[in-house]
C-alpha atoms as a PDB file:
ATOM      1  CA  MET A   1     -31.133   7.229 -27.247  1.00  0.00           C
ATOM      2  CA  THR A   2     -28.995  10.246 -26.597  1.00  0.00           C
ATOM      3  CA  LEU A   3     -25.918  12.213 -27.480  1.00  0.00           C
ATOM      4  CA  SER A   4     -24.098  13.739 -24.521  1.00  0.00           C
ATOM      5  CA  VAL A   5     -20.841  15.648 -24.893  1.00  0.00           C
ATOM      6  CA  VAL A   6     -18.147  16.973 -22.565  1.00  0.00           C
ATOM      7  CA  VAL A   7     -15.408  19.343 -23.744  1.00  0.00           C
ATOM      8  CA  VAL A   8     -12.526  20.214 -21.411  1.00  0.00           C
ATOM      9  CA  THR A   9     -10.322  23.200 -22.262  1.00  0.00           C
ATOM     10  CA  GLY A  10      -7.951  25.392 -20.310  1.00  0.00           C
ATOM     11  CA  ASP A  11     -10.678  28.029 -19.850  1.00  0.00           C
ATOM     12  CA  GLY A  12     -13.293  25.656 -18.487  1.00  0.00           C
ATOM     13  CA  ILE A  13     -15.541  22.707 -19.192  1.00  0.00           C
ATOM     14  CA  VAL A  14     -18.715  22.373 -21.245  1.00  0.00           C
ATOM     15  CA  VAL A  15     -21.319  19.648 -20.742  1.00  0.00           C
ATOM     16  CA  ALA A  16     -24.205  19.334 -23.192  1.00  0.00           C
ATOM     17  CA  SER A  17     -26.912  16.927 -24.298  1.00  0.00           C
ATOM     18  CA  ASP A  18     -30.028  16.674 -26.412  1.00  0.00           C
ATOM     19  CA  SER A  19     -33.522  16.357 -24.887  1.00  0.00           C
ATOM     20  CA  ARG A  20     -35.129  13.397 -26.660  1.00  0.00           C
ATOM     21  CA  THR A  21     -36.423  10.238 -24.996  1.00  0.00           C
ATOM     22  CA  THR A  22     -37.377   7.304 -27.211  1.00  0.00           C
ATOM     23  CA  LEU A  23     -39.242   4.138 -26.302  1.00  0.00           C
ATOM     24  CA  ARG A  24     -38.418   0.757 -27.806  1.00  0.00           C
ATOM     25  CA  GLN A  25     -41.132  -1.840 -28.282  1.00  0.00           C
ATOM     26  CA  THR A  26     -40.070  -5.459 -27.916  1.00  0.00           C
ATOM     27  CA  PRO A  27     -40.207  -6.945 -31.422  1.00  0.00           C
ATOM     28  CA  ARG A  28     -42.696  -9.669 -32.224  1.00  0.00           C
ATOM     29  CA  GLU A  29     -41.458 -12.914 -33.724  1.00  0.00           C
ATOM     30  CA  GLY A  30     -40.255 -12.245 -37.231  1.00  0.00           C
ATOM     31  CA  GLY A  31     -40.572  -8.479 -36.902  1.00  0.00           C
ATOM     32  CA  GLY A  32     -38.160  -5.680 -36.173  1.00  0.00           C
ATOM     33  CA  ALA A  33     -38.122  -3.467 -33.122  1.00  0.00           C
ATOM     34  CA  ALA A  34     -40.392  -0.432 -33.165  1.00  0.00           C
ATOM     35  CA  TYR A  35     -39.568   2.954 -31.665  1.00  0.00           C
ATOM     36  CA  ARG A  36     -41.449   6.120 -30.877  1.00  0.00           C
ATOM     37  CA  VAL A  37     -40.502   9.522 -29.528  1.00  0.00           C
ATOM     38  CA  ALA A  38     -41.703   9.753 -25.926  1.00  0.00           C
ATOM     39  CA  SER A  39     -40.564  13.333 -25.314  1.00  0.00           C
ATOM     40  CA  ASP A  40     -38.378  16.098 -26.688  1.00  0.00           C
ATOM     41  CA  PHE A  41     -38.175  17.854 -23.321  1.00  0.00           C
ATOM     42  CA  THR A  42     -36.223  15.426 -21.169  1.00  0.00           C
ATOM     43  CA  HIS A  43     -33.578  16.869 -18.869  1.00  0.00           C
ATOM     44  CA  LYS A  44     -30.261  15.067 -19.351  1.00  0.00           C
ATOM     45  CA  VAL A  45     -27.896  17.726 -17.948  1.00  0.00           C
ATOM     46  CA  PHE A  46     -27.900  18.365 -14.196  1.00  0.00           C
ATOM     47  CA  GLN A  47     -26.179  20.317 -11.442  1.00  0.00           C
ATOM     48  CA  ALA A  48     -24.847  18.511  -8.354  1.00  0.00           C
ATOM     49  CA  GLY A  49     -23.032  20.919  -6.058  1.00  0.00           C
ATOM     50  CA  GLU A  50     -20.769  22.854  -8.427  1.00  0.00           C
ATOM     51  CA  VAL A  51     -20.443  19.838 -10.716  1.00  0.00           C
ATOM     52  CA  ALA A  52     -22.103  19.339 -14.121  1.00  0.00           C
ATOM     53  CA  VAL A  53     -23.537  15.924 -14.968  1.00  0.00           C
ATOM     54  CA  ALA A  54     -24.918  14.576 -18.258  1.00  0.00           C
ATOM     55  CA  THR A  55     -26.564  11.185 -18.639  1.00  0.00           C
ATOM     56  CA  PHE A  56     -26.739   8.733 -21.542  1.00  0.00           C
ATOM     57  CA  GLY A  57     -28.029   5.221 -22.067  1.00  0.00           C
ATOM     58  CA  GLU A  58     -31.120   3.940 -20.270  1.00  0.00           C
ATOM     59  CA  ALA A  59     -33.862   6.543 -19.838  1.00  0.00           C
ATOM     60  CA  PHE A  60     -35.683   4.769 -17.012  1.00  0.00           C
ATOM     61  CA  VAL A  61     -34.655   2.775 -13.940  1.00  0.00           C
ATOM     62  CA  GLN A  62     -37.252   1.198 -11.658  1.00  0.00           C
ATOM     63  CA  GLY A  63     -39.969   2.780 -13.769  1.00  0.00           C
ATOM     64  CA  ARG A  64     -38.734   6.305 -13.100  1.00  0.00           C
ATOM     65  CA  SER A  65     -36.851   8.697 -15.334  1.00  0.00           C
ATOM     66  CA  ILE A  66     -33.169   9.392 -14.751  1.00  0.00           C
ATOM     67  CA  ALA A  67     -34.122  13.051 -14.169  1.00  0.00           C
ATOM     68  CA  SER A  68     -36.382  12.079 -11.267  1.00  0.00           C
ATOM     69  CA  HIS A  69     -33.650   9.925  -9.753  1.00  0.00           C
ATOM     70  CA  MET A  70     -31.166  12.779 -10.199  1.00  0.00           C
ATOM     71  CA  ALA A  71     -33.491  15.098  -8.275  1.00  0.00           C
ATOM     72  CA  GLU A  72     -33.435  12.603  -5.423  1.00  0.00           C
ATOM     73  CA  PHE A  73     -29.668  12.187  -5.716  1.00  0.00           C
ATOM     74  CA  VAL A  74     -29.115  15.936  -5.481  1.00  0.00           C
ATOM     75  CA  ALA A  75     -31.442  16.193  -2.484  1.00  0.00           C
ATOM     76  CA  ARG A  76     -29.447  13.510  -0.691  1.00  0.00           C
ATOM     77  CA  LYS A  77     -25.893  14.027  -1.905  1.00  0.00           C
ATOM     78  CA  ASN A  78     -25.569  17.632  -3.056  1.00  0.00           C
ATOM     79  CA  ASP A  79     -23.368  18.695  -0.131  1.00  0.00           C
ATOM     80  CA  GLN A  80     -21.077  15.717  -0.731  1.00  0.00           C
ATOM     81  CA  CYS A  81     -20.434  16.559  -4.403  1.00  0.00           C
ATOM     82  CA  ILE A  82     -17.530  18.805  -3.451  1.00  0.00           C
ATOM     83  CA  ASN A  83     -15.525  17.947  -6.562  1.00  0.00           C
ATOM     84  CA  PRO A  84     -16.070  15.891  -9.726  1.00  0.00           C
ATOM     85  CA  LYS A  85     -14.392  12.726  -8.414  1.00  0.00           C
ATOM     86  CA  ALA A  86     -16.549  12.714  -5.280  1.00  0.00           C
ATOM     87  CA  ALA A  87     -19.664  13.347  -7.373  1.00  0.00           C
ATOM     88  CA  ALA A  88     -18.724  10.547  -9.787  1.00  0.00           C
ATOM     89  CA  ASP A  89     -18.165   8.080  -6.943  1.00  0.00           C
ATOM     90  CA  HIS A  90     -21.493   8.963  -5.316  1.00  0.00           C
ATOM     91  CA  LEU A  91     -23.304   8.716  -8.661  1.00  0.00           C
ATOM     92  CA  ALA A  92     -21.786   5.296  -9.307  1.00  0.00           C
ATOM     93  CA  ALA A  93     -22.873   3.954  -5.909  1.00  0.00           C
ATOM     94  CA  PHE A  94     -26.348   5.525  -6.070  1.00  0.00           C
ATOM     95  CA  PHE A  95     -27.291   4.311  -9.546  1.00  0.00           C
ATOM     96  CA  GLU A  96     -25.588   0.939  -9.188  1.00  0.00           C
ATOM     97  CA  GLU A  97     -27.903   0.123  -6.287  1.00  0.00           C
ATOM     98  CA  LEU A  98     -30.943   1.350  -8.235  1.00  0.00           C
ATOM     99  CA  TYR A  99     -29.990  -0.554 -11.350  1.00  0.00           C
ATOM    100  CA  ARG A 100     -29.274  -3.826  -9.591  1.00  0.00           C
ATOM    101  CA  THR A 101     -32.541  -3.779  -7.679  1.00  0.00           C
ATOM    102  CA  ASP A 102     -34.638  -2.837 -10.686  1.00  0.00           C
ATOM    103  CA  SER A 103     -38.182  -4.101 -10.964  1.00  0.00           C
ATOM    104  CA  ALA A 104     -37.056  -7.034 -13.113  1.00  0.00           C
ATOM    105  CA  GLY A 105     -35.334  -8.442 -10.023  1.00  0.00           C
ATOM    106  CA  GLY A 106     -31.777  -9.642  -9.549  1.00  0.00           C
ATOM    107  CA  PRO A 107     -28.529  -8.245 -10.906  1.00  0.00           C
ATOM    108  CA  PRO A 108     -28.767  -7.560 -14.663  1.00  0.00           C
ATOM    109  CA  ALA A 109     -26.353  -8.985 -17.166  1.00  0.00           C
ATOM    110  CA  ALA A 110     -23.751  -6.712 -18.696  1.00  0.00           C
ATOM    111  CA  PRO A 111     -24.560  -5.486 -22.229  1.00  0.00           C
ATOM    112  CA  LEU A 112     -23.374  -7.830 -24.970  1.00  0.00           C
ATOM    113  CA  ASP A 113     -21.059  -5.193 -26.445  1.00  0.00           C
ATOM    114  CA  GLN A 114     -19.599  -4.451 -22.976  1.00  0.00           C
ATOM    115  CA  ARG A 115     -20.831  -0.867 -23.035  1.00  0.00           C
ATOM    116  CA  SER A 116     -22.482   0.677 -20.028  1.00  0.00           C
ATOM    117  CA  ALA A 117     -26.254   0.338 -19.986  1.00  0.00           C
ATOM    118  CA  LEU A 118     -26.412   3.645 -18.127  1.00  0.00           C
ATOM    119  CA  GLY A 119     -23.691   6.264 -18.026  1.00  0.00           C
ATOM    120  CA  PHE A 120     -22.815   9.751 -16.865  1.00  0.00           C
ATOM    121  CA  LEU A 121     -20.312  12.410 -17.866  1.00  0.00           C
ATOM    122  CA  VAL A 122     -19.214  14.327 -14.763  1.00  0.00           C
ATOM    123  CA  ALA A 123     -17.253  17.595 -14.893  1.00  0.00           C
ATOM    124  CA  GLY A 124     -16.072  20.135 -12.350  1.00  0.00           C
ATOM    125  CA  TYR A 125     -13.102  21.548 -10.513  1.00  0.00           C
ATOM    126  CA  ALA A 126     -10.923  20.089  -7.794  1.00  0.00           C
ATOM    127  CA  ASP A 127      -9.089  23.102  -6.405  1.00  0.00           C
ATOM    128  CA  ALA A 128      -7.998  24.956  -9.554  1.00  0.00           C
ATOM    129  CA  VAL A 129      -7.902  21.983 -11.940  1.00  0.00           C
ATOM    130  CA  GLY A 130     -10.916  21.009 -14.041  1.00  0.00           C
ATOM    131  CA  GLU A 131     -11.612  17.309 -14.382  1.00  0.00           C
ATOM    132  CA  ALA A 132     -14.005  15.174 -16.410  1.00  0.00           C
ATOM    133  CA  TYR A 133     -15.018  11.626 -15.468  1.00  0.00           C
ATOM    134  CA  GLU A 134     -17.170   8.929 -17.003  1.00  0.00           C
ATOM    135  CA  VAL A 135     -19.397   6.748 -14.814  1.00  0.00           C
ATOM    136  CA  GLY A 136     -20.615   3.397 -16.139  1.00  0.00           C
ATOM    137  CA  ILE A 137     -23.448   1.242 -14.800  1.00  0.00           C
ATOM    138  CA  PRO A 138     -23.492  -1.708 -14.155  1.00  0.00           C
ATOM    139  CA  GLY A 139     -20.087  -2.143 -12.571  1.00  0.00           C
ATOM    140  CA  SER A 140     -19.742   1.214 -10.793  1.00  0.00           C
ATOM    141  CA  LEU A 141     -17.027   2.184 -13.264  1.00  0.00           C
ATOM    142  CA  VAL A 142     -15.417   5.591 -12.728  1.00  0.00           C
ATOM    143  CA  ASN A 143     -12.793   6.650 -15.275  1.00  0.00           C
ATOM    144  CA  LEU A 144     -10.910   9.935 -15.618  1.00  0.00           C
ATOM    145  CA  LEU A 145     -11.320  11.285 -19.166  1.00  0.00           C
ATOM    146  CA  GLY A 146      -9.058  14.333 -18.940  1.00  0.00           C
ATOM    147  CA  THR A 147      -8.203  17.541 -17.103  1.00  0.00           C
ATOM    148  CA  THR A 148      -7.627  21.213 -17.822  1.00  0.00           C
ATOM    149  CA  ALA A 149      -3.990  20.692 -16.829  1.00  0.00           C
ATOM    150  CA  SER A 150      -3.335  17.921 -19.345  1.00  0.00           C
ATOM    151  CA  GLY A 151      -4.379  19.566 -22.605  1.00  0.00           C
ATOM    152  CA  GLY A 152      -8.105  18.956 -22.307  1.00  0.00           C
ATOM    153  CA  VAL A 153     -10.355  16.332 -23.831  1.00  0.00           C
ATOM    154  CA  ALA A 154     -13.528  16.012 -25.866  1.00  0.00           C
ATOM    155  CA  ALA A 155     -15.762  12.983 -25.383  1.00  0.00           C
ATOM    156  CA  TRP A 156     -19.181  12.020 -26.723  1.00  0.00           C
ATOM    157  CA  ARG A 157     -21.418   9.166 -25.600  1.00  0.00           C
ATOM    158  CA  GLY A 158     -24.658   7.675 -26.883  1.00  0.00           C
ATOM    159  CA  GLN A 159     -25.426   7.709 -30.610  1.00  0.00           C
ATOM    160  CA  VAL A 160     -21.988   8.751 -31.785  1.00  0.00           C
ATOM    161  CA  ASP A 161     -21.966   7.552 -35.393  1.00  0.00           C
ATOM    162  CA  VAL A 162     -22.450  11.016 -36.923  1.00  0.00           C
ATOM    163  CA  VAL A 163     -19.785  12.587 -34.692  1.00  0.00           C
ATOM    164  CA  SER A 164     -17.434   9.727 -35.526  1.00  0.00           C
ATOM    165  CA  ARG A 165     -17.866  10.406 -39.238  1.00  0.00           C
ATOM    166  CA  ILE A 166     -17.095  14.078 -38.699  1.00  0.00           C
ATOM    167  CA  VAL A 167     -14.132  13.763 -36.350  1.00  0.00           C
ATOM    168  CA  ARG A 168     -12.674  10.376 -37.247  1.00  0.00           C
ATOM    169  CA  GLY A 169     -13.527  10.329 -40.951  1.00  0.00           C
ATOM    170  CA  ALA A 170     -15.802   7.291 -40.793  1.00  0.00           C
ATOM    171  CA  ASP A 171     -18.194   5.370 -38.578  1.00  0.00           C
ATOM    172  CA  LEU A 172     -15.387   3.099 -37.438  1.00  0.00           C
ATOM    173  CA  GLU A 173     -17.590   0.886 -35.259  1.00  0.00           C
ATOM    174  CA  LEU A 174     -19.820   0.100 -38.224  1.00  0.00           C
ATOM    175  CA  LEU A 175     -16.753  -0.461 -40.387  1.00  0.00           C
ATOM    176  CA  ASP A 176     -15.378  -2.936 -37.837  1.00  0.00           C
ATOM    177  CA  ARG A 177     -18.622  -4.928 -37.932  1.00  0.00           C
ATOM    178  CA  LEU A 178     -18.801  -4.888 -41.732  1.00  0.00           C
ATOM    179  CA  ALA A 179     -15.203  -6.096 -41.987  1.00  0.00           C
ATOM    180  CA  VAL A 180     -16.046  -9.121 -39.841  1.00  0.00           C
ATOM    181  CA  VAL A 181     -19.311  -9.881 -41.682  1.00  0.00           C
ATOM    182  CA  THR A 182     -17.657  -9.674 -45.111  1.00  0.00           C
ATOM    183  CA  GLY A 183     -14.594 -11.711 -44.107  1.00  0.00           C
ATOM    184  CA  LYS A 184     -12.182  -8.802 -44.521  1.00  0.00           C
ATOM    185  CA  LYS A 185     -11.057  -8.349 -40.938  1.00  0.00           C
ATOM    186  CA  ALA A 186      -7.373  -8.933 -41.797  1.00  0.00           C
ATOM    187  CA  GLU A 187      -7.446  -6.277 -44.501  1.00  0.00           C
ATOM    188  CA  HIS A 188      -9.311  -3.921 -42.187  1.00  0.00           C
ATOM    189  CA  ASP A 189      -6.785  -4.409 -39.388  1.00  0.00           C
ATOM    190  CA  ALA A 190      -3.976  -3.635 -41.822  1.00  0.00           C
ATOM    191  CA  LEU A 191      -5.643  -0.338 -42.719  1.00  0.00           C
ATOM    192  CA  LYS A 192      -6.319   0.808 -39.142  1.00  0.00           C
ATOM    193  CA  PRO A 193      -3.222   3.076 -38.950  1.00  0.00           C
ATOM    194  CA  LEU A 194      -4.412   4.839 -42.110  1.00  0.00           C
ATOM    195  CA  LEU A 195      -7.961   5.095 -40.793  1.00  0.00           C
ATOM    196  CA  ASP A 196      -6.661   6.602 -37.549  1.00  0.00           C
ATOM    197  CA  ALA A 197      -4.783   9.194 -39.592  1.00  0.00           C
ATOM    198  CA  LEU A 198      -8.129  10.503 -40.912  1.00  0.00           C
ATOM    199  CA  THR A 199      -9.006  11.889 -37.476  1.00  0.00           C
ATOM    200  CA  TYR A 200      -9.293  15.651 -37.235  1.00  0.00           C
ATOM    201  CA  ARG A 201      -6.895  17.333 -34.815  1.00  0.00           C
ATOM    202  CA  ILE A 202      -8.920  19.377 -32.316  1.00  0.00           C
ATOM    203  CA  PRO A 203      -6.704  21.989 -30.593  1.00  0.00           C
ATOM    204  CA  LEU A 204      -8.336  21.716 -27.185  1.00  0.00           C
ATOM    205  CA  ASN A 205      -5.307  23.280 -25.486  1.00  0.00           C
ATOM    206  CA  TRP A 206      -5.873  26.439 -27.582  1.00  0.00           C
ATOM    207  CA  MET A 207      -9.646  26.638 -27.258  1.00  0.00           C
ATOM    208  CA  ASN A 208     -11.476  29.151 -25.115  1.00  0.00           C
ATOM    209  CA  LEU A 209     -14.813  28.421 -23.458  1.00  0.00           C
ATOM    210  CA  GLN A 210     -16.889  29.723 -26.382  1.00  0.00           C
ATOM    211  CA  ASP A 211     -15.017  27.442 -28.769  1.00  0.00           C
ATOM    212  CA  ALA A 212     -15.784  24.516 -26.468  1.00  0.00           C
ATOM    213  CA  VAL A 213     -19.478  25.430 -26.476  1.00  0.00           C
ATOM    214  CA  ASP A 214     -19.452  25.661 -30.274  1.00  0.00           C
ATOM    215  CA  LEU A 215     -17.807  22.233 -30.553  1.00  0.00           C
ATOM    216  CA  ALA A 216     -20.374  20.605 -28.268  1.00  0.00           C
ATOM    217  CA  VAL A 217     -23.246  22.218 -30.173  1.00  0.00           C
ATOM    218  CA  LEU A 218     -21.725  21.189 -33.517  1.00  0.00           C
ATOM    219  CA  CYS A 219     -21.676  17.545 -32.431  1.00  0.00           C
ATOM    220  CA  ILE A 220     -25.261  17.483 -31.171  1.00  0.00           C
ATOM    221  CA  ARG A 221     -26.910  19.780 -33.724  1.00  0.00           C
ATOM    222  CA  THR A 222     -25.280  18.018 -36.677  1.00  0.00           C
ATOM    223  CA  THR A 223     -26.365  14.641 -35.313  1.00  0.00           C
ATOM    224  CA  ILE A 224     -29.951  15.904 -34.951  1.00  0.00           C
ATOM    225  CA  ASP A 225     -30.018  17.250 -38.503  1.00  0.00           C
ATOM    226  CA  VAL A 226     -28.348  14.228 -40.117  1.00  0.00           C
ATOM    227  CA  GLN A 227     -30.725  11.840 -38.353  1.00  0.00           C
ATOM    228  CA  ARG A 228     -33.692  13.969 -39.417  1.00  0.00           C
ATOM    229  CA  LEU A 229     -32.675  14.144 -43.075  1.00  0.00           C
ATOM    230  CA  THR A 230     -31.331  10.631 -43.673  1.00  0.00           C
ATOM    231  CA  LEU A 231     -32.534   7.046 -43.224  1.00  0.00           C
ATOM    232  CA  GLY A 232     -29.255   5.627 -41.986  1.00  0.00           C
ATOM    233  CA  SER A 233     -26.386   3.951 -43.797  1.00  0.00           C
ATOM    234  CA  LEU A 234     -26.780   1.601 -46.755  1.00  0.00           C
ATOM    235  CA  ALA A 235     -25.463  -1.188 -44.552  1.00  0.00           C
ATOM    236  CA  MET A 236     -28.633  -0.986 -42.441  1.00  0.00           C
ATOM    237  CA  GLY A 237     -31.000  -1.398 -45.398  1.00  0.00           C
ATOM    238  CA  PRO A 238     -33.837  -2.014 -45.797  1.00  0.00           C
ATOM    239  CA  GLU A 239     -34.431  -0.930 -42.174  1.00  0.00           C
ATOM    240  CA  PHE A 240     -34.348   2.748 -41.259  1.00  0.00           C
ATOM    241  CA  SER A 241     -32.206   4.191 -38.496  1.00  0.00           C
ATOM    242  CA  TRP A 242     -34.204   5.836 -35.732  1.00  0.00           C
ATOM    243  CA  PRO A 243     -33.690   9.562 -35.005  1.00  0.00           C
ATOM    244  CA  GLY A 244     -32.973   9.140 -31.316  1.00  0.00           C
ATOM    245  CA  VAL A 245     -31.264  12.520 -30.835  1.00  0.00           C
ATOM    246  CA  GLY A 246     -33.484  15.598 -30.870  1.00  0.00           C
ATOM    247  CA  GLY A 247     -35.222  18.376 -29.006  1.00  0.00           C
ATOM    248  CA  PRO A 248     -33.542  21.434 -27.458  1.00  0.00           C
ATOM    249  CA  ILE A 249     -29.855  21.273 -26.571  1.00  0.00           C
ATOM    250  CA  GLU A 250     -29.077  21.828 -22.895  1.00  0.00           C
ATOM    251  CA  ILE A 251     -25.664  23.265 -22.027  1.00  0.00           C
ATOM    252  CA  ALA A 252     -23.853  23.899 -18.747  1.00  0.00           C
ATOM    253  CA  THR A 253     -20.375  25.307 -18.143  1.00  0.00           C
ATOM    254  CA  VAL A 254     -18.003  24.937 -15.208  1.00  0.00           C
ATOM    255  CA  THR A 255     -15.055  27.272 -14.637  1.00  0.00           C
ATOM    256  CA  ALA A 256     -12.532  27.731 -11.867  1.00  0.00           C
ATOM    257  CA  ARG A 257     -13.792  31.221 -11.090  1.00  0.00           C
ATOM    258  CA  GLY A 258     -17.473  31.146 -11.980  1.00  0.00           C
ATOM    259  CA  LYS A 259     -18.126  27.536 -10.969  1.00  0.00           C
ATOM    260  CA  PHE A 260     -21.306  25.967 -12.406  1.00  0.00           C
ATOM    261  CA  ALA A 261     -23.516  27.988 -14.765  1.00  0.00           C
ATOM    262  CA  TRP A 262     -26.419  27.214 -17.068  1.00  0.00           C
ATOM    263  CA  LEU A 263     -25.991  28.416 -20.635  1.00  0.00           C
ATOM    264  CA  GLN A 264     -29.122  26.760 -22.054  1.00  0.00           C
ATOM    265  CA  ARG A 265     -31.810  25.014 -20.001  1.00  0.00           C
ATOM    266  CA  THR A 266     -35.360  24.150 -20.972  1.00  0.00           C
ATOM    267  CA  ALA A 267     -38.126  25.312 -18.647  1.00  0.00           C
ATOM    268  CA  VAL A 268     -41.693  24.184 -18.112  1.00  0.00           C
ATOM    269  CA  GLN A 269     -44.157  26.515 -19.815  1.00  0.00           C
ATOM    270  CA  GLY A 270     -47.838  26.706 -20.532  1.00  0.00           C
ATOM    271  CA  GLU A 271     -49.627  26.983 -23.853  1.00  0.00           C
ATOM    272  CA  ARG A 272     -48.761  30.682 -24.109  1.00  0.00           C
ATOM    273  CA  PRO A 273     -45.490  32.437 -23.240  1.00  0.00           C
ATOM    274  CA  ALA A 274     -45.177  33.814 -19.705  1.00  0.00           C
ATOM    275  CA  GLY A 275     -47.240  36.979 -19.287  1.00  0.00           C
ATOM    276  CA  GLN A 276     -49.486  36.099 -22.235  1.00  0.00           C
ATOM    277  CA  ALA A 277     -52.227  34.214 -20.411  1.00  0.00           C
ATOM    278  CA  GLU A 278     -55.745  34.416 -21.818  1.00  0.00           C
ATOM    279  CA  GLY A 279     -57.380  37.737 -21.116  1.00  0.00           C
ATOM    280  CA  TYR A 280     -54.071  39.459 -20.337  1.00  0.00           C
ATOM    281  CA  ALA A 281     -52.483  42.017 -22.632  1.00  0.00           C
ATOM    282  CA  SER A 282     -48.901  43.084 -22.071  1.00  0.00           C
END
């Protein structure tokens, strides 16, 4: 479970994600699924050439983490990621092959809700224009989300219910499901124009790069805190929602002039801070 965010503004592009990996145990007959936090230090934001990439969805393919596959991808394809569209196309081909030859054998079925089982947000510059793409696996889907020349875009993928409540005024996916379950789909459909009007207007065409960073952090940090302090919506009761978003936030920026840059990136460290090893006094 993840929350990855891309924000495209005229000044540049921000890509960010949380660092939590969760494991899901197959439920026994009559019981619910069980989860546990596997790590709060998982890399989900990557550099490929001068392109920023964030992953969401499945955490493992062929028994290996997405981060380990991305290291291999960069080693093989880094020089070919000359712009975000090229990087997105290469990512789609690379992970489609991995996914369809997974250890389970044979091509997997598409998710029941038609979402991608594994996805990537890809951002960078083609000449002087910043572009953001979404890659979906299975299906090798590559879709343009927005550009710096078209007013920008903000997109979030993964566990988006908290962000949806903030930006759109409600968890509209949950509301859709409840309307069907309660037999009120017709009434719900009639109210959709009013529900759409609840959406906050985000002036992406006015934002500078710092504003874009703040927006990405707002989405992820608020999701982390809401998941930590709540048990999920009443509609889920008596089951609890699982806090699948957590750990440090990793952030990368891409600009026309400065290209790719890390703003926040976790690093491997020992028990003590660097320079504070046992027997050493700074």
